[in-house]
C-alpha atoms as a PDB file:
ATOM      1  CA  UNK A   1     114.509  18.237  66.475  1.00  0.00           C
ATOM      2  CA  UNK A   2     111.423  17.965  66.650  1.00  0.00           C
ATOM      3  CA  UNK A   3     108.980  19.135  62.811  1.00  0.00           C
ATOM      4  CA  UNK A   4     106.937  22.138  62.927  1.00  0.00           C
ATOM      5  CA  UNK A   5     103.768  21.730  65.390  1.00  0.00           C
ATOM      6  CA  UNK A   6     100.760  20.566  63.991  1.00  0.00           C
ATOM      7  CA  UNK A   7      97.137  22.466  64.868  1.00  0.00           C
ATOM      8  CA  UNK A   8      94.731  19.817  65.906  1.00  0.00           C
ATOM      9  CA  UNK A   9      90.603  21.257  66.194  1.00  0.00           C
ATOM     10  CA  UNK A  10      89.574  20.103  69.593  1.00  0.00           C
ATOM     11  CA  UNK A  11      86.564  17.638  68.829  1.00  0.00           C
ATOM     12  CA  UNK A  12      83.294  18.733  70.029  1.00  0.00           C
ATOM     13  CA  UNK A  13      81.842  17.385  72.666  1.00  0.00           C
ATOM     14  CA  UNK A  14      78.521  17.203  74.618  1.00  0.00           C
ATOM     15  CA  UNK A  15      78.396  18.492  78.522  1.00  0.00           C
ATOM     16  CA  UNK A  16      78.741  14.458  79.300  1.00  0.00           C
ATOM     17  CA  UNK A  17      81.878  14.726  77.517  1.00  0.00           C
ATOM     18  CA  UNK A  18      80.719  12.144  75.128  1.00  0.00           C
ATOM     19  CA  UNK A  19      82.312  12.992  71.440  1.00  0.00           C
ATOM     20  CA  UNK A  20      79.245  14.194  68.855  1.00  0.00           C
ATOM     21  CA  UNK A  21      78.966  12.581  65.476  1.00  0.00           C
ATOM     22  CA  UNK A  22      80.389  14.425  62.742  1.00  0.00           C
ATOM     23  CA  UNK A  23      77.816  16.698  60.878  1.00  0.00           C
ATOM     24  CA  UNK A  24      76.225  14.278  57.077  1.00  0.00           C
ATOM     25  CA  UNK A  25      76.210  16.422  54.431  1.00  0.00           C
ATOM     26  CA  UNK A  26      72.734  17.023  52.920  1.00  0.00           C
ATOM     27  CA  UNK A  27      71.549  17.045  49.559  1.00  0.00           C
ATOM     28  CA  UNK A  28      70.781  20.340  48.172  1.00  0.00           C
ATOM     29  CA  UNK A  29      67.342  21.034  48.292  1.00  0.00           C
ATOM     30  CA  UNK A  30      65.944  22.656  44.764  1.00  0.00           C
ATOM     31  CA  UNK A  31      63.379  26.234  44.946  1.00  0.00           C
ATOM     32  CA  UNK A  32      60.256  25.442  43.055  1.00  0.00           C
ATOM     33  CA  UNK A  33      60.801  26.191  39.225  1.00  0.00           C
ATOM     34  CA  UNK A  34      63.742  25.756  39.268  1.00  0.00           C
ATOM     35  CA  UNK A  35      64.978  21.863  37.834  1.00  0.00           C
ATOM     36  CA  UNK A  36      66.595  19.464  40.139  1.00  0.00           C
ATOM     37  CA  UNK A  37      70.300  18.183  39.973  1.00  0.00           C
ATOM     38  CA  UNK A  38      70.551  15.441  37.779  1.00  0.00           C
ATOM     39  CA  UNK A  39      70.910  12.034  39.520  1.00  0.00           C
ATOM     40  CA  UNK A  40      68.872  12.760  42.692  1.00  0.00           C
ATOM     41  CA  UNK A  41      66.108  11.415  43.583  1.00  0.00           C
ATOM     42  CA  UNK A  42      63.705  14.151  42.438  1.00  0.00           C
ATOM     43  CA  UNK A  43      65.262  14.964  39.287  1.00  0.00           C
ATOM     44  CA  UNK A  44      64.972  10.994  38.299  1.00  0.00           C
ATOM     45  CA  UNK A  45      60.830  11.341  39.010  1.00  0.00           C
ATOM     46  CA  UNK A  46      60.696  14.467  37.543  1.00  0.00           C
ATOM     47  CA  UNK A  47      61.976  12.626  33.854  1.00  0.00           C
ATOM     48  CA  UNK A  48      60.080   9.582  34.467  1.00  0.00           C
ATOM     49  CA  UNK A  49      57.328  11.850  34.600  1.00  0.00           C
ATOM     50  CA  UNK A  50      58.659  13.501  31.283  1.00  0.00           C
ATOM     51  CA  UNK A  51      58.924  10.911  29.478  1.00  0.00           C
ATOM     52  CA  UNK A  52      55.570   9.029  30.407  1.00  0.00           C
ATOM     53  CA  UNK A  53      53.264  12.471  28.990  1.00  0.00           C
ATOM     54  CA  UNK A  54      55.746  11.564  26.202  1.00  0.00           C
ATOM     55  CA  UNK A  55      55.234   8.081  25.515  1.00  0.00           C
ATOM     56  CA  UNK A  56      51.115   8.258  26.202  1.00  0.00           C
ATOM     57  CA  UNK A  57      51.174  11.639  23.663  1.00  0.00           C
ATOM     58  CA  UNK A  58      52.639   9.322  21.065  1.00  0.00           C
ATOM     59  CA  UNK A  59      50.253   6.799  22.041  1.00  0.00           C
ATOM     60  CA  UNK A  60      47.211   8.932  20.959  1.00  0.00           C
ATOM     61  CA  UNK A  61      49.101  10.456  17.979  1.00  0.00           C
ATOM     62  CA  UNK A  62      49.361   6.853  16.338  1.00  0.00           C
ATOM     63  CA  UNK A  63      45.880   5.886  17.559  1.00  0.00           C
ATOM     64  CA  UNK A  64      44.533   8.824  16.058  1.00  0.00           C
ATOM     65  CA  UNK A  65      46.562   7.940  12.889  1.00  0.00           C
ATOM     66  CA  UNK A  66      45.099   4.180  12.918  1.00  0.00           C
ATOM     67  CA  UNK A  67      41.249   5.506  13.144  1.00  0.00           C
ATOM     68  CA  UNK A  68      42.181   8.352  10.436  1.00  0.00           C
ATOM     69  CA  UNK A  69      43.314   5.140   8.217  1.00  0.00           C
ATOM     70  CA  UNK A  70      40.337   2.860   8.969  1.00  0.00           C
ATOM     71  CA  UNK A  71      37.984   5.537   8.346  1.00  0.00           C
ATOM     72  CA  UNK A  72      39.590   5.745   4.609  1.00  0.00           C
ATOM     73  CA  UNK A  73      39.437   2.346   4.313  1.00  0.00           C
ATOM     74  CA  UNK A  74      35.698   2.007   5.142  1.00  0.00           C
ATOM     75  CA  UNK A  75      34.900   5.068   2.199  1.00  0.00           C
ATOM     76  CA  UNK A  76      37.007   3.754  -0.503  1.00  0.00           C
ATOM     77  CA  UNK A  77      35.192   0.032   0.497  1.00  0.00           C
ATOM     78  CA  UNK A  78      31.788   1.594   0.727  1.00  0.00           C
ATOM     79  CA  UNK A  79      32.326   3.395  -3.000  1.00  0.00           C
ATOM     80  CA  UNK A  80      33.873   0.378  -3.916  1.00  0.00           C
ATOM     81  CA  UNK A  81      31.151  -2.219  -3.547  1.00  0.00           C
ATOM     82  CA  UNK A  82      27.640   0.167  -3.687  1.00  0.00           C
ATOM     83  CA  UNK A  83      25.255  -1.060  -6.412  1.00  0.00           C
ATOM     84  CA  UNK A  84      24.541   1.759  -9.338  1.00  0.00           C
ATOM     85  CA  UNK A  85      21.047   2.848  -9.209  1.00  0.00           C
ATOM     86  CA  UNK A  86      18.939   1.235 -11.703  1.00  0.00           C
ATOM     87  CA  UNK A  87      15.857   2.260 -12.501  1.00  0.00           C
ATOM     88  CA  UNK A  88      12.968   0.429 -12.085  1.00  0.00           C
ATOM     89  CA  UNK A  89      11.282  -1.195 -15.710  1.00  0.00           C
ATOM     90  CA  UNK A  90       7.916  -1.275 -14.656  1.00  0.00           C
ATOM     91  CA  UNK A  91       5.103   1.411 -15.250  1.00  0.00           C
ATOM     92  CA  UNK A  92       5.410   4.660 -12.948  1.00  0.00           C
ATOM     93  CA  UNK A  93       2.901   7.622 -12.379  1.00  0.00           C
ATOM     94  CA  UNK A  94       2.249   9.890 -15.525  1.00  0.00           C
ATOM     95  CA  UNK A  95       4.407  12.512 -16.481  1.00  0.00           C
ATOM     96  CA  UNK A  96       2.664  16.050 -15.835  1.00  0.00           C
ATOM     97  CA  UNK A  97       1.397  17.381 -18.955  1.00  0.00           C
ATOM     98  CA  UNK A  98       1.557  20.520 -19.573  1.00  0.00           C
ATOM     99  CA  UNK A  99      -1.577  22.897 -17.711  1.00  0.00           C
ATOM    100  CA  UNK A 100      -5.308  22.091 -19.572  1.00  0.00           C
ATOM    101  CA  UNK A 101      -7.115  26.150 -19.784  1.00  0.00           C
ATOM    102  CA  UNK A 102     -10.433  26.241 -19.727  1.00  0.00           C
ATOM    103  CA  UNK A 103     -11.833  29.009 -21.811  1.00  0.00           C
ATOM    104  CA  UNK A 104     -15.535  30.744 -20.585  1.00  0.00           C
ATOM    105  CA  UNK A 105     -17.788  33.210 -22.282  1.00  0.00           C
ATOM    106  CA  UNK A 106     -19.509  35.746 -20.252  1.00  0.00           C
ATOM    107  CA  UNK A 107     -22.611  34.405 -17.617  1.00  0.00           C
ATOM    108  CA  UNK A 108     -26.065  35.084 -18.777  1.00  0.00           C
ATOM    109  CA  UNK A 109     -27.937  35.390 -15.544  1.00  0.00           C
ATOM    110  CA  UNK A 110     -32.068  34.558 -15.534  1.00  0.00           C
ATOM    111  CA  UNK A 111     -34.602  32.661 -13.109  1.00  0.00           C
ATOM    112  CA  UNK A 112     -36.321  29.795 -13.516  1.00  0.00           C
ATOM    113  CA  UNK A 113     -39.433  28.372 -12.325  1.00  0.00           C
ATOM    114  CA  UNK A 114     -39.301  25.321  -9.844  1.00  0.00           C
ATOM    115  CA  UNK A 115     -41.916  22.110 -10.349  1.00  0.00           C
ATOM    116  CA  UNK A 116     -43.314  22.689  -6.783  1.00  0.00           C
ATOM    117  CA  UNK A 117     -43.321  26.417  -7.036  1.00  0.00           C
ATOM    118  CA  UNK A 118     -40.656  29.068  -6.059  1.00  0.00           C
ATOM    119  CA  UNK A 119     -38.076  30.319  -8.092  1.00  0.00           C
ATOM    120  CA  UNK A 120     -34.506  30.180  -8.177  1.00  0.00           C
ATOM    121  CA  UNK A 121     -31.732  32.158  -9.931  1.00  0.00           C
ATOM    122  CA  UNK A 122     -29.592  31.046 -13.292  1.00  0.00           C
ATOM    123  CA  UNK A 123     -26.284  32.037 -14.488  1.00  0.00           C
ATOM    124  CA  UNK A 124     -25.160  30.417 -17.907  1.00  0.00           C
ATOM    125  CA  UNK A 125     -21.523  30.004 -19.316  1.00  0.00           C
ATOM    126  CA  UNK A 126     -20.751  28.061 -22.062  1.00  0.00           C
ATOM    127  CA  UNK A 127     -17.437  25.723 -22.364  1.00  0.00           C
ATOM    128  CA  UNK A 128     -15.718  28.073 -25.090  1.00  0.00           C
ATOM    129  CA  UNK A 129     -12.969  26.048 -25.098  1.00  0.00           C
ATOM    130  CA  UNK A 130     -10.105  24.084 -23.521  1.00  0.00           C
ATOM    131  CA  UNK A 131      -6.210  23.099 -24.683  1.00  0.00           C
ATOM    132  CA  UNK A 132      -7.134  19.647 -24.393  1.00  0.00           C
ATOM    133  CA  UNK A 133     -10.012  17.372 -24.383  1.00  0.00           C
ATOM    134  CA  UNK A 134     -11.102  16.627 -21.183  1.00  0.00           C
ATOM    135  CA  UNK A 135     -14.291  14.663 -19.704  1.00  0.00           C
ATOM    136  CA  UNK A 136     -16.985  15.231 -17.043  1.00  0.00           C
ATOM    137  CA  UNK A 137     -15.008  12.536 -14.499  1.00  0.00           C
ATOM    138  CA  UNK A 138     -11.872  14.447 -14.547  1.00  0.00           C
ATOM    139  CA  UNK A 139     -13.185  17.981 -13.842  1.00  0.00           C
ATOM    140  CA  UNK A 140     -15.276  19.458 -10.800  1.00  0.00           C
ATOM    141  CA  UNK A 141     -17.334  22.942 -10.739  1.00  0.00           C
ATOM    142  CA  UNK A 142     -16.816  25.095  -7.806  1.00  0.00           C
ATOM    143  CA  UNK A 143     -18.181  28.496  -6.633  1.00  0.00           C
ATOM    144  CA  UNK A 144     -16.075  30.810  -4.875  1.00  0.00           C
ATOM    145  CA  UNK A 145     -15.393  33.832  -3.780  1.00  0.00           C
ATOM    146  CA  UNK A 146     -13.200  36.293  -5.709  1.00  0.00           C
ATOM    147  CA  UNK A 147     -11.858  38.079  -3.098  1.00  0.00           C
ATOM    148  CA  UNK A 148     -10.057  35.880  -1.539  1.00  0.00           C
ATOM    149  CA  UNK A 149     -10.593  32.554  -3.310  1.00  0.00           C
ATOM    150  CA  UNK A 150     -12.378  29.930  -0.864  1.00  0.00           C
ATOM    151  CA  UNK A 151     -14.957  28.226  -2.162  1.00  0.00           C
ATOM    152  CA  UNK A 152     -18.535  28.116  -1.322  1.00  0.00           C
ATOM    153  CA  UNK A 153     -20.253  25.363  -0.059  1.00  0.00           C
ATOM    154  CA  UNK A 154     -23.620  23.773  -1.902  1.00  0.00           C
ATOM    155  CA  UNK A 155     -25.231  23.537   1.578  1.00  0.00           C
ATOM    156  CA  UNK A 156     -25.844  19.449   0.650  1.00  0.00           C
ATOM    157  CA  UNK A 157     -28.315  20.789  -1.657  1.00  0.00           C
ATOM    158  CA  UNK A 158     -30.573  18.357  -3.987  1.00  0.00           C
ATOM    159  CA  UNK A 159     -30.389  18.602  -7.820  1.00  0.00           C
ATOM    160  CA  UNK A 160     -33.855  18.543  -9.168  1.00  0.00           C
ATOM    161  CA  UNK A 161     -33.444  17.928 -12.495  1.00  0.00           C
ATOM    162  CA  UNK A 162     -35.223  16.684 -15.018  1.00  0.00           C
ATOM    163  CA  UNK A 163     -34.057  16.227 -18.436  1.00  0.00           C
ATOM    164  CA  UNK A 164     -36.646  19.160 -19.590  1.00  0.00           C
ATOM    165  CA  UNK A 165     -36.247  21.052 -16.436  1.00  0.00           C
ATOM    166  CA  UNK A 166     -33.392  22.819 -14.694  1.00  0.00           C
ATOM    167  CA  UNK A 167     -35.300  22.463 -11.648  1.00  0.00           C
ATOM    168  CA  UNK A 168     -38.083  20.305 -11.990  1.00  0.00           C
ATOM    169  CA  UNK A 169     -38.787  19.949  -7.552  1.00  0.00           C
ATOM    170  CA  UNK A 170     -38.134  22.559  -4.645  1.00  0.00           C
ATOM    171  CA  UNK A 171     -35.842  25.499  -5.602  1.00  0.00           C
ATOM    172  CA  UNK A 172     -32.182  25.274  -4.008  1.00  0.00           C
ATOM    173  CA  UNK A 173     -32.437  26.607  -0.189  1.00  0.00           C
ATOM    174  CA  UNK A 174     -29.866  27.111   2.272  1.00  0.00           C
ATOM    175  CA  UNK A 175     -32.023  29.020   5.033  1.00  0.00           C
ATOM    176  CA  UNK A 176     -30.471  32.340   3.664  1.00  0.00           C
ATOM    177  CA  UNK A 177     -26.940  30.751   2.637  1.00  0.00           C
ATOM    178  CA  UNK A 178     -25.880  30.529  -0.666  1.00  0.00           C
ATOM    179  CA  UNK A 179     -26.785  26.926  -2.327  1.00  0.00           C
ATOM    180  CA  UNK A 180     -26.291  25.924  -5.058  1.00  0.00           C
ATOM    181  CA  UNK A 181     -26.157  23.464  -8.098  1.00  0.00           C
ATOM    182  CA  UNK A 182     -24.933  22.988 -11.530  1.00  0.00           C
ATOM    183  CA  UNK A 183     -26.688  21.137 -14.870  1.00  0.00           C
ATOM    184  CA  UNK A 184     -24.418  20.558 -17.583  1.00  0.00           C
ATOM    185  CA  UNK A 185     -26.262  20.971 -21.129  1.00  0.00           C
ATOM    186  CA  UNK A 186     -25.003  19.596 -24.360  1.00  0.00           C
ATOM    187  CA  UNK A 187     -24.307  22.209 -26.984  1.00  0.00           C
ATOM    188  CA  UNK A 188     -27.572  21.695 -28.443  1.00  0.00           C
ATOM    189  CA  UNK A 189     -29.392  22.453 -25.467  1.00  0.00           C
ATOM    190  CA  UNK A 190     -30.159  18.647 -24.258  1.00  0.00           C
ATOM    191  CA  UNK A 191     -29.822  18.619 -20.320  1.00  0.00           C
ATOM    192  CA  UNK A 192     -27.624  15.723 -19.543  1.00  0.00           C
ATOM    193  CA  UNK A 193     -25.799  16.141 -16.398  1.00  0.00           C
ATOM    194  CA  UNK A 194     -26.072  17.766 -12.557  1.00  0.00           C
ATOM    195  CA  UNK A 195     -23.366  18.176 -10.053  1.00  0.00           C
ATOM    196  CA  UNK A 196     -23.701  18.617  -5.990  1.00  0.00           C
ATOM    197  CA  UNK A 197     -20.680  18.248  -3.770  1.00  0.00           C
ATOM    198  CA  UNK A 198     -22.031  15.189  -2.426  1.00  0.00           C
ATOM    199  CA  UNK A 199     -23.392  13.569  -5.377  1.00  0.00           C
ATOM    200  CA  UNK A 200     -20.742  14.505  -7.282  1.00  0.00           C
ATOM    201  CA  UNK A 201     -21.907  13.906 -11.424  1.00  0.00           C
ATOM    202  CA  UNK A 202     -25.224  12.589 -12.204  1.00  0.00           C
ATOM    203  CA  UNK A 203     -27.252  11.651 -14.823  1.00  0.00           C
ATOM    204  CA  UNK A 204     -30.852  13.348 -15.524  1.00  0.00           C
ATOM    205  CA  UNK A 205     -32.049   9.756 -17.124  1.00  0.00           C
ATOM    206  CA  UNK A 206     -29.830   7.207 -15.664  1.00  0.00           C
ATOM    207  CA  UNK A 207     -27.460   7.424 -18.962  1.00  0.00           C
ATOM    208  CA  UNK A 208     -23.119   7.425 -18.502  1.00  0.00           C
ATOM    209  CA  UNK A 209     -22.265   9.931 -16.440  1.00  0.00           C
ATOM    210  CA  UNK A 210     -18.864  10.323 -18.090  1.00  0.00           C
ATOM    211  CA  UNK A 211     -19.182  12.757 -21.285  1.00  0.00           C
ATOM    212  CA  UNK A 212     -16.651  14.195 -23.147  1.00  0.00           C
ATOM    213  CA  UNK A 213     -17.016  18.221 -22.444  1.00  0.00           C
ATOM    214  CA  UNK A 214     -17.733  19.556 -26.190  1.00  0.00           C
ATOM    215  CA  UNK A 215     -17.131  23.365 -27.225  1.00  0.00           C
ATOM    216  CA  UNK A 216     -20.446  25.111 -26.585  1.00  0.00           C
ATOM    217  CA  UNK A 217     -21.678  22.933 -24.014  1.00  0.00           C
ATOM    218  CA  UNK A 218     -23.229  24.968 -21.071  1.00  0.00           C
ATOM    219  CA  UNK A 219     -22.274  24.670 -16.939  1.00  0.00           C
ATOM    220  CA  UNK A 220     -25.758  26.315 -15.489  1.00  0.00           C
ATOM    221  CA  UNK A 221     -25.332  27.322 -11.736  1.00  0.00           C
ATOM    222  CA  UNK A 222     -28.585  27.263 -10.216  1.00  0.00           C
ATOM    223  CA  UNK A 223     -28.781  29.481  -7.379  1.00  0.00           C
ATOM    224  CA  UNK A 224     -30.310  31.123  -4.659  1.00  0.00           C
ATOM    225  CA  UNK A 225     -30.248  33.715  -3.043  1.00  0.00           C
ATOM    226  CA  UNK A 226     -28.975  35.653  -6.320  1.00  0.00           C
ATOM    227  CA  UNK A 227     -25.098  35.834  -6.874  1.00  0.00           C
ATOM    228  CA  UNK A 228     -24.874  37.851 -10.045  1.00  0.00           C
ATOM    229  CA  UNK A 229     -22.266  40.741  -9.555  1.00  0.00           C
ATOM    230  CA  UNK A 230     -21.849  40.150  -5.642  1.00  0.00           C
ATOM    231  CA  UNK A 231     -18.151  39.163  -5.646  1.00  0.00           C
ATOM    232  CA  UNK A 232     -18.430  35.189  -6.710  1.00  0.00           C
ATOM    233  CA  UNK A 233     -17.218  32.938  -9.797  1.00  0.00           C
ATOM    234  CA  UNK A 234     -17.271  29.688 -11.538  1.00  0.00           C
ATOM    235  CA  UNK A 235     -14.042  27.710 -11.866  1.00  0.00           C
ATOM    236  CA  UNK A 236     -13.511  23.960 -13.027  1.00  0.00           C
ATOM    237  CA  UNK A 237     -11.063  22.300 -11.509  1.00  0.00           C
ATOM    238  CA  UNK A 238      -9.723  18.500 -11.905  1.00  0.00           C
ATOM    239  CA  UNK A 239      -6.791  16.496 -13.438  1.00  0.00           C
ATOM    240  CA  UNK A 240      -6.073  14.342 -16.940  1.00  0.00           C
ATOM    241  CA  UNK A 241      -3.271  12.739 -17.625  1.00  0.00           C
ATOM    242  CA  UNK A 242      -1.449  13.775 -14.949  1.00  0.00           C
ATOM    243  CA  UNK A 243      -1.929  17.705 -16.269  1.00  0.00           C
ATOM    244  CA  UNK A 244      -4.372  19.735 -13.907  1.00  0.00           C
ATOM    245  CA  UNK A 245      -7.416  21.953 -14.822  1.00  0.00           C
ATOM    246  CA  UNK A 246      -8.300  24.834 -14.370  1.00  0.00           C
ATOM    247  CA  UNK A 247     -10.906  27.495 -15.866  1.00  0.00           C
ATOM    248  CA  UNK A 248     -12.547  30.656 -13.900  1.00  0.00           C
ATOM    249  CA  UNK A 249     -15.192  32.779 -14.668  1.00  0.00           C
ATOM    250  CA  UNK A 250     -16.939  35.690 -12.835  1.00  0.00           C
ATOM    251  CA  UNK A 251     -20.935  35.454 -11.889  1.00  0.00           C
END
């Protein structure tokens, strides 16, 4: 007896009668955005890349932590090793004291005949008091504008003053501009000093120029042209032992 017949599939052949090689199965392909099958070359590459990204991230995190620790350590060292501030035991600048205020009486307006002819105008104000004693080297007189406080220069005037005359030579002249100087007289009326921008305080008899200013001392503004009641004032400014000196009066 013969067994059941087994069917066989014909082996494909080409036109020359040669047997064609069997087809080799291909690995399944992946589409973009789909995970690669485990064990495939594409899956291994992707796993490697992910591992590298994770490794680099951990490395950066470690470096950041180390930098933070280093900064903290340096800060602690700087605080511990810093030397405390010790003020110098040497002499320093004087401690500013309270301002010194000078009080004047209202001016007395007049005229004076000068030694070389002509006349000059005068405004005499009395140093009534000051909150602390001061000397002439510590103050400077100024003529200023009441409206805005601008200083009026003396135009390089020369103070022609003697012990007996407020204007012993030519009157102050600035070619139509205001020209002035100040004369200091003692409480008994003695002419002692003159003042200009260029020369400062000058003794009229070659004596000392740094004199204590007593109450009832007079400051006489010798000026041309007349400025009384025209918006000008007399000020004294300066400093004594760290305290500012200031006093004003309208002319």
